[in-house]
Structure formats: structure tokens, C-alpha cells
Amino acid sequence: DRYAEIRGTDADTIRDQFLSDVGLDETGGKTYNLGNQTVTARLQKDLSFLVELPTGKTAKSLPKKGADAEKYATANADFSEMKKNAKKIVKNRVSILFEDFLSGRARKADAWKESYLKNPLLRQVASLLVWVQKGNTFLLTDTGAVTANGAPYSIGDAEIALAHPMEMTGSNLNAWQKHFTANGIKQPFAQVWEPVINPAAIQGSRYQGVLIPYFRFMNQA
């Protein structure tokens, strides 16, 4: 926060636009020239990386056979560093998003778009979660934002936050749960499966007769 303040900006901007850049192009790829062939490391939907080969096949690592030794060493070191940094960024981002999910924090639309539409790594993280804008829930896909029924959604200028089951209708929540299940999408945290308790079902006498050991109150003053 202090670093951002000195530069007349905010921590989100520093974190999103600079610290979260691992060198991927807008399609989520990074090309390496190995001397004997050029390959592309591509970010996957599960946030892992696969290497696309000229043959059309994919591999989990850069192909060493036949490659120029020096070019391979440089490319492999860069690829390893990129994967390590991406993993750290994703872990940090998920932690931030989970806190936002619990607090209901919203972001201005232009800042949200700058972070989650332009950065391929953050965009992929965002595509695993359901967002809400003026009561409308949506999800990011390869072809754009869509609603729970698959209809295209145009992201407006209102603030955007993570959708919470407590504020969603039963039919809308059920539709999102079916979407993630049908497409085998694993969320970074249980957003659409977060349990919702009906306040009307909570009895005022539910703790009647329950004994609490006195030591639980020690040093609580």
C-alpha cells in the first residue's frame, strides 16, 4: 500500500498490472526457440501449462532431443521460473478473492476489466468463479461473458463482485452448480457450493442446556 501511495496509485493496480505479469501473450502462450524447432508453452484451464509442439502434439516439458544446448538451457530455465511464479501468483490471488468473497468487496468495472480481461493468468483464475454486477451473475469463457443459462452477457460500468449463494436465487444457484459439474470445472474454493443457512430455520433455543467450560472464558477480557 505504501509503495503504491508513493506512486500515486493503489495496491490492486501494482499487484494486478505488474506483479501478476509472467510474460504470457494475450492468448495465454509463450514461445520458445529451441534451435531445431519453435514450441509454445500454453496456460491451461486448470492453471497448469502444456507445451504445444509443431507436430500438433503436446508435452509437459520442453523437448530436449535435437535442441540447441544453449537455447534449450535458457528456455527451460525461463519456463521453470514462469511456472513457479504463476503458481505463487495464483495462490496469492485465490487468497485475495476468497477474502473478497467473504467480505462482499466490489471493484470498479474499469479496474476489474483491466485485471481480469487483459491479464491471461488472472483471466483464467477469474473464469473459475461466478461474478455479479447489478444483480446479474456471469462467468468468463473463451468466447466472452455468459449468464447461467449460457446467454451472452455484456459487462457494464457498474461495480463487480464475487457472487455469493446467500444473494442468489435458488434457480440461479442451481444452474451454476450444474454448469460447473457438467463441465468438470473445479473452483479454487467452494463458491457456488457454500452452504446457506435459512435464518427462519434457526431456533432461538438451540443452545439451551449447553454447558460451556469456564476455561473457555479465561483471558478473554
Protein backbone atom coordinates (compact mmCIF):
# COMPACT_ATOMS: atom_id res chain seq x y z
CA ASP A 1 0.00 0.00 0.00
CA ARG A 2 2.82 2.38 0.90
CA TYR A 3 4.68 1.62 -2.34
CA ALA A 4 1.53 2.34 -4.35
CA GLU A 5 0.76 5.52 -2.43
CA ILE A 6 4.20 6.97 -3.22
CA ARG A 7 3.49 6.41 -6.92
CA GLY A 8 0.01 7.87 -6.86
CA THR A 9 -1.79 4.58 -7.45
CA ASP A 10 -3.23 1.72 -5.38
CA ALA A 11 -2.05 -1.72 -4.31
CA ASP A 12 -4.50 -3.52 -6.60
CA THR A 13 -3.05 -1.79 -9.66
CA ILE A 14 0.54 -2.64 -8.67
CA ARG A 15 -0.40 -6.23 -7.89
CA ASP A 16 -2.59 -6.81 -10.95
CA GLN A 17 -0.79 -4.95 -13.72
CA PHE A 18 2.83 -5.51 -12.73
CA LEU A 19 3.37 -8.25 -10.17
CA SER A 20 1.00 -10.67 -11.93
CA ASP A 21 2.68 -10.47 -15.34
CA VAL A 22 4.56 -13.72 -16.11
CA GLY A 23 5.22 -12.89 -19.76
CA LEU A 24 2.28 -14.60 -21.45
CA ASP A 25 0.78 -13.15 -24.62
CA GLU A 26 -2.92 -12.29 -24.82
CA THR A 27 -3.77 -15.89 -25.75
CA GLY A 28 -2.00 -17.29 -22.69
CA GLY A 29 1.07 -18.57 -24.52
CA LYS A 30 4.82 -18.02 -24.56
CA THR A 31 7.01 -19.09 -27.49
CA TYR A 32 10.47 -20.63 -27.19
CA ASN A 33 13.01 -21.10 -29.98
CA LEU A 34 14.95 -24.28 -29.25
CA GLY A 35 17.11 -24.13 -32.36
CA ASN A 36 15.65 -27.18 -34.05
CA GLN A 37 12.02 -26.16 -33.52
CA THR A 38 9.82 -23.47 -32.01
CA VAL A 39 7.35 -24.51 -29.31
CA THR A 40 4.72 -22.67 -27.28
CA ALA A 41 4.02 -23.08 -23.57
CA ARG A 42 0.27 -22.65 -23.15
CA LEU A 43 -1.71 -21.93 -19.98
CA GLN A 44 -4.48 -24.50 -19.47
CA LYS A 45 -7.93 -24.13 -17.95
CA ASP A 46 -6.77 -25.85 -14.75
CA LEU A 47 -3.94 -23.27 -14.50
CA SER A 48 -1.23 -25.78 -15.45
CA PHE A 49 0.97 -25.47 -18.56
CA LEU A 50 1.37 -27.69 -21.61
CA VAL A 51 3.94 -27.32 -24.37
CA GLU A 52 2.48 -27.25 -27.89
CA LEU A 53 4.77 -28.90 -30.47
CA PRO A 54 4.91 -28.21 -34.24
CA THR A 55 3.56 -31.74 -34.80
CA GLY A 56 0.29 -30.82 -33.09
CA LYS A 57 1.10 -32.91 -30.04
CA THR A 58 1.64 -31.56 -26.53
CA ALA A 59 4.17 -32.26 -23.78
CA LYS A 60 4.53 -31.32 -20.13
CA SER A 61 8.11 -30.13 -20.58
CA LEU A 62 10.26 -28.58 -23.30
CA PRO A 63 11.64 -31.22 -25.71
CA LYS A 64 15.40 -31.53 -25.26
CA LYS A 65 16.18 -34.04 -28.02
CA GLY A 66 17.85 -32.33 -31.01
CA ALA A 67 17.61 -28.87 -29.44
CA ASP A 68 20.48 -26.39 -29.31
CA ALA A 69 22.05 -26.92 -25.87
CA GLU A 70 22.38 -23.24 -25.00
CA LYS A 71 18.93 -22.24 -26.29
CA TYR A 72 17.34 -25.18 -24.52
CA ALA A 73 19.00 -24.32 -21.20
CA THR A 74 17.87 -20.69 -21.42
CA ALA A 75 14.33 -21.62 -22.45
CA ASN A 76 13.98 -24.35 -19.85
CA ALA A 77 15.15 -22.05 -17.06
CA ASP A 78 12.66 -19.40 -18.18
CA PHE A 79 9.83 -21.93 -18.44
CA SER A 80 10.54 -23.29 -14.95
CA GLU A 81 10.66 -19.79 -13.49
CA MET A 82 7.42 -18.82 -15.23
CA LYS A 83 5.59 -21.87 -13.85
CA LYS A 84 6.90 -21.21 -10.35
CA ASN A 85 5.89 -17.54 -10.45
CA ALA A 86 2.47 -18.37 -11.91
CA LYS A 87 1.82 -20.83 -9.10
CA LYS A 88 2.70 -18.20 -6.47
CA ILE A 89 0.54 -15.57 -8.16
CA VAL A 90 -2.45 -17.91 -8.39
CA LYS A 91 -2.13 -18.90 -4.73
CA ASN A 92 -1.99 -15.26 -3.66
CA ARG A 93 -4.84 -14.27 -5.98
CA VAL A 94 -7.12 -17.05 -4.74
CA SER A 95 -6.45 -15.98 -1.15
CA ILE A 96 -7.40 -12.38 -2.01
CA LEU A 97 -10.51 -13.45 -3.90
CA PHE A 98 -11.64 -15.68 -1.05
CA GLU A 99 -11.41 -12.73 1.34
CA ASP A 100 -13.37 -10.62 -1.18
CA PHE A 101 -15.96 -13.39 -1.40
CA LEU A 102 -16.45 -13.39 2.36
CA SER A 103 -16.49 -9.61 2.74
CA GLY A 104 -18.54 -8.81 -0.35
CA ARG A 105 -15.92 -6.37 -1.58
CA ALA A 106 -16.66 -4.99 -5.05
CA ARG A 107 -14.34 -3.35 -7.57
CA LYS A 108 -14.99 -0.64 -10.11
CA ALA A 109 -15.72 -2.11 -13.53
CA ASP A 110 -12.78 -0.47 -15.31
CA ALA A 111 -10.30 -1.75 -12.70
CA TRP A 112 -11.86 -5.23 -12.81
CA LYS A 113 -11.66 -5.33 -16.61
CA GLU A 114 -8.03 -4.16 -16.55
CA SER A 115 -7.14 -7.01 -14.21
CA TYR A 116 -9.29 -9.90 -15.32
CA LEU A 117 -9.74 -9.34 -19.05
CA LYS A 118 -6.25 -8.22 -20.08
CA ASN A 119 -4.01 -10.45 -17.96
CA PRO A 120 -4.30 -14.05 -19.29
CA LEU A 121 -3.28 -15.65 -15.99
CA LEU A 122 -5.73 -13.65 -13.89
CA ARG A 123 -8.40 -14.09 -16.56
CA GLN A 124 -8.12 -17.85 -16.23
CA VAL A 125 -8.43 -17.60 -12.44
CA ALA A 126 -11.47 -15.36 -12.84
CA SER A 127 -13.08 -17.83 -15.27
CA LEU A 128 -13.35 -20.38 -12.45
CA LEU A 129 -15.64 -18.13 -10.41
CA VAL A 130 -19.08 -16.57 -10.75
CA TRP A 131 -19.30 -12.77 -10.69
CA VAL A 132 -22.18 -10.39 -10.11
CA GLN A 133 -22.95 -6.94 -11.49
CA LYS A 134 -26.18 -5.14 -10.55
CA GLY A 135 -27.74 -8.45 -9.54
CA ASN A 136 -26.73 -10.21 -12.77
CA THR A 137 -24.42 -13.20 -12.34
CA PHE A 138 -21.96 -14.11 -15.09
CA LEU A 139 -18.94 -16.25 -15.89
CA LEU A 140 -15.97 -15.61 -18.16
CA THR A 141 -15.47 -18.09 -21.02
CA ASP A 142 -13.20 -18.30 -24.06
CA THR A 143 -15.85 -16.54 -26.11
CA GLY A 144 -16.81 -13.87 -23.57
CA ALA A 145 -19.01 -13.48 -20.51
CA VAL A 146 -22.15 -15.61 -20.20
CA THR A 147 -25.09 -15.92 -17.81
CA ALA A 148 -26.16 -19.11 -16.02
CA ASN A 149 -28.30 -20.18 -18.99
CA GLY A 150 -25.42 -19.67 -21.44
CA ALA A 151 -26.66 -16.39 -22.90
CA PRO A 152 -24.02 -13.73 -23.74
CA TYR A 153 -23.56 -11.11 -21.05
CA SER A 154 -22.29 -7.61 -21.73
CA ILE A 155 -20.16 -6.36 -18.84
CA GLY A 156 -21.29 -2.83 -18.00
CA ASP A 157 -19.85 0.01 -15.93
CA ALA A 158 -21.33 -0.90 -12.54
CA GLU A 159 -19.18 -2.37 -9.77
CA ILE A 160 -18.36 -6.07 -9.95
CA ALA A 161 -18.07 -8.51 -7.05
CA LEU A 162 -17.94 -12.25 -6.49
CA ALA A 163 -21.43 -13.73 -6.36
CA HIS A 164 -22.45 -15.27 -3.05
CA PRO A 165 -25.10 -18.02 -2.71
CA MET A 166 -26.81 -16.01 0.05
CA GLU A 167 -27.68 -13.34 -2.51
CA MET A 168 -28.58 -15.64 -5.41
CA THR A 169 -31.95 -17.14 -6.24
CA GLY A 170 -32.31 -20.89 -5.88
CA SER A 171 -32.75 -21.41 -9.62
CA ASN A 172 -29.73 -19.27 -10.49
CA LEU A 173 -27.53 -21.04 -7.95
CA ASN A 174 -28.71 -24.44 -9.12
CA ALA A 175 -27.92 -23.52 -12.74
CA TRP A 176 -24.36 -22.54 -11.84
CA GLN A 177 -23.83 -25.70 -9.83
CA LYS A 178 -24.99 -27.77 -12.82
CA HIS A 179 -22.66 -25.80 -15.11
CA PHE A 180 -19.55 -26.49 -13.04
CA THR A 181 -20.50 -30.13 -12.53
CA ALA A 182 -21.34 -30.78 -16.19
CA ASN A 183 -18.13 -29.18 -17.43
CA GLY A 184 -15.91 -30.73 -14.77
CA ILE A 185 -14.72 -27.32 -13.60
CA LYS A 186 -13.09 -27.23 -10.17
CA GLN A 187 -13.38 -23.91 -8.39
CA PRO A 188 -10.42 -22.57 -6.39
CA PHE A 189 -12.76 -22.51 -3.38
CA ALA A 190 -16.31 -23.75 -2.85
CA GLN A 191 -18.12 -20.65 -4.06
CA VAL A 192 -21.36 -21.95 -5.56
CA TRP A 193 -21.43 -24.79 -3.03
CA GLU A 194 -21.06 -22.53 0.00
CA PRO A 195 -23.76 -23.69 2.48
CA VAL A 196 -26.57 -21.22 3.02
CA ILE A 197 -28.48 -21.36 6.29
CA ASN A 198 -32.10 -20.25 6.32
CA PRO A 199 -32.41 -17.79 9.25
CA ALA A 200 -36.04 -18.81 9.72
CA ALA A 201 -34.91 -22.36 10.47
CA ILE A 202 -32.66 -21.29 13.37
CA GLN A 203 -34.37 -21.67 16.72
CA GLY A 204 -33.58 -19.18 19.47
CA SER A 205 -33.35 -22.02 21.98
CA ARG A 206 -30.83 -24.07 20.03
CA TYR A 207 -28.14 -23.58 22.70
CA GLN A 208 -30.44 -24.09 25.66
CA GLY A 209 -28.93 -26.51 28.15
CA VAL A 210 -25.49 -26.44 26.53
CA LEU A 211 -22.67 -26.17 29.06
CA ILE A 212 -19.53 -24.20 28.24
CA PRO A 213 -16.36 -24.99 30.27
CA TYR A 214 -15.28 -21.94 32.29
CA PHE A 215 -11.72 -22.07 30.91
CA ARG A 216 -13.08 -21.01 27.52
CA PHE A 217 -13.59 -17.55 29.02
CA MET A 218 -10.15 -17.25 30.58
CA ASN A 219 -8.02 -14.33 29.34
CA GLN A 220 -10.88 -13.08 27.16
CA ALA A 221 -11.31 -9.73 28.93
